[in-house]
C-alpha atoms as a PDB file:
ATOM      1  CA  MET A   1     -39.580 -23.381  25.993  1.00  0.00           C
ATOM      2  CA  SER A   2     -40.478 -26.887  26.731  1.00  0.00           C
ATOM      3  CA  THR A   3     -41.345 -28.809  23.604  1.00  0.00           C
ATOM      4  CA  ILE A   4     -39.177 -30.166  20.845  1.00  0.00           C
ATOM      5  CA  ALA A   5     -41.161 -28.011  18.424  1.00  0.00           C
ATOM      6  CA  GLU A   6     -40.406 -24.859  20.410  1.00  0.00           C
ATOM      7  CA  ILE A   7     -36.694 -25.731  20.706  1.00  0.00           C
ATOM      8  CA  GLU A   8     -36.485 -26.483  16.945  1.00  0.00           C
ATOM      9  CA  SER A   9     -38.178 -23.248  16.139  1.00  0.00           C
ATOM     10  CA  ALA A  10     -35.749 -21.369  18.427  1.00  0.00           C
ATOM     11  CA  ILE A  11     -32.754 -23.078  16.805  1.00  0.00           C
ATOM     12  CA  GLU A  12     -33.928 -22.082  13.364  1.00  0.00           C
ATOM     13  CA  ARG A  13     -33.681 -18.470  14.461  1.00  0.00           C
ATOM     14  CA  LEU A  14     -30.202 -18.689  15.746  1.00  0.00           C
ATOM     15  CA  PRO A  15     -27.098 -17.197  13.720  1.00  0.00           C
ATOM     16  CA  ALA A  16     -24.875 -19.750  12.170  1.00  0.00           C
ATOM     17  CA  LYS A  17     -22.181 -19.315  14.861  1.00  0.00           C
ATOM     18  CA  GLU A  18     -24.557 -20.063  17.731  1.00  0.00           C
ATOM     19  CA  VAL A  19     -25.933 -23.067  15.849  1.00  0.00           C
ATOM     20  CA  GLU A  20     -22.336 -24.472  15.513  1.00  0.00           C
ATOM     21  CA  ALA A  21     -21.725 -23.697  19.286  1.00  0.00           C
ATOM     22  CA  LEU A  22     -24.967 -25.609  20.140  1.00  0.00           C
ATOM     23  CA  ALA A  23     -23.875 -28.527  17.877  1.00  0.00           C
ATOM     24  CA  VAL A  24     -20.576 -28.702  19.816  1.00  0.00           C
ATOM     25  CA  TRP A  25     -22.333 -28.666  23.124  1.00  0.00           C
ATOM     26  CA  LEU A  26     -24.879 -31.206  22.058  1.00  0.00           C
ATOM     27  CA  GLU A  27     -22.241 -33.640  20.843  1.00  0.00           C
ATOM     28  CA  ALA A  28     -20.298 -33.288  24.163  1.00  0.00           C
ATOM     29  CA  ARG A  29     -23.609 -33.763  26.045  1.00  0.00           C
ATOM     30  CA  ARG A  30     -24.386 -36.907  23.946  1.00  0.00           C
ATOM     31  CA  LYS A  31     -20.956 -38.384  24.641  1.00  0.00           C
ATOM     32  CA  ARG A  32     -21.187 -37.823  28.443  1.00  0.00           C
ATOM     33  CA  GLY A  33     -24.578 -39.685  28.401  1.00  0.00           C
ATOM     34  CA  VAL A  34     -27.557 -38.998  30.715  1.00  0.00           C
ATOM     35  CA  ALA A  35     -26.613 -38.857  34.318  1.00  0.00           C
ATOM     36  CA  LYS A  36     -27.816 -41.834  36.373  1.00  0.00           C
ATOM     37  CA  PRO A  37     -29.754 -41.162  39.409  1.00  0.00           C
ATOM     38  CA  VAL A  38     -27.759 -41.336  42.767  1.00  0.00           C
ATOM     39  CA  ALA A  39     -29.792 -44.393  43.823  1.00  0.00           C
ATOM     40  CA  ASP A  40     -28.610 -46.313  40.743  1.00  0.00           C
ATOM     41  CA  ALA A  41     -24.936 -45.772  41.670  1.00  0.00           C
ATOM     42  CA  TRP A  42     -25.665 -46.914  45.215  1.00  0.00           C
ATOM     43  CA  LEU A  43     -27.541 -49.926  43.996  1.00  0.00           C
ATOM     44  CA  ASN A  44     -24.662 -50.974  41.679  1.00  0.00           C
ATOM     45  CA  GLN A  45     -22.212 -50.599  44.502  1.00  0.00           C
ATOM     46  CA  ALA A  46     -24.370 -52.658  47.002  1.00  0.00           C
ATOM     47  CA  ARG A  47     -25.352 -55.352  44.440  1.00  0.00           C
ATOM     48  CA  GLY A  48     -23.818 -58.582  45.584  1.00  0.00           C
ATOM     49  CA  ALA A  49     -23.013 -57.265  49.158  1.00  0.00           C
ATOM     50  CA  ALA A  50     -25.440 -59.658  50.935  1.00  0.00           C
ATOM     51  CA  ARG A  51     -23.854 -62.448  52.860  1.00  0.00           C
ATOM     52  CA  PRO A  52     -24.742 -65.995  51.846  1.00  0.00           C
ATOM     53  CA  GLY A  53     -27.359 -67.672  53.658  1.00  0.00           C
ATOM     54  CA  GLN A  54     -29.039 -64.415  54.692  1.00  0.00           C
ATOM     55  CA  SER A  55     -32.724 -64.287  53.801  1.00  0.00           C
ATOM     56  CA  THR A  56     -34.718 -61.305  52.908  1.00  0.00           C
ATOM     57  CA  ALA A  57     -36.660 -61.765  56.153  1.00  0.00           C
ATOM     58  CA  ASP A  58     -33.488 -61.664  58.053  1.00  0.00           C
ATOM     59  CA  VAL A  59     -32.497 -58.289  56.426  1.00  0.00           C
ATOM     60  CA  MET A  60     -35.966 -56.954  56.998  1.00  0.00           C
ATOM     61  CA  ALA A  61     -35.719 -57.969  60.682  1.00  0.00           C
ATOM     62  CA  LEU A  62     -32.426 -55.996  60.910  1.00  0.00           C
ATOM     63  CA  THR A  63     -34.001 -52.817  59.477  1.00  0.00           C
ATOM     64  CA  ARG A  64     -36.941 -53.010  61.859  1.00  0.00           C
ATOM     65  CA  GLY A  65     -34.626 -53.690  64.761  1.00  0.00           C
ATOM     66  CA  ASP A  66     -36.152 -56.962  65.625  1.00  0.00           C
ATOM     67  CA  GLU A  67     -32.851 -58.668  66.345  1.00  0.00           C
END
């Protein structure tokens, strides 16, 4: 089951109690929001960490070991 149409069709066949349980789960999932990729969290933490006066070329040299 991978398309919205297939999911909707399956939901239509559920008993009322299971539809209610699904609705509760969906609402909780909606409130939690979509999980952000791990890289996004790291980028948010790293944002602004560069030292003033340091250029991109300086940073690239460090990552290549050109120091």
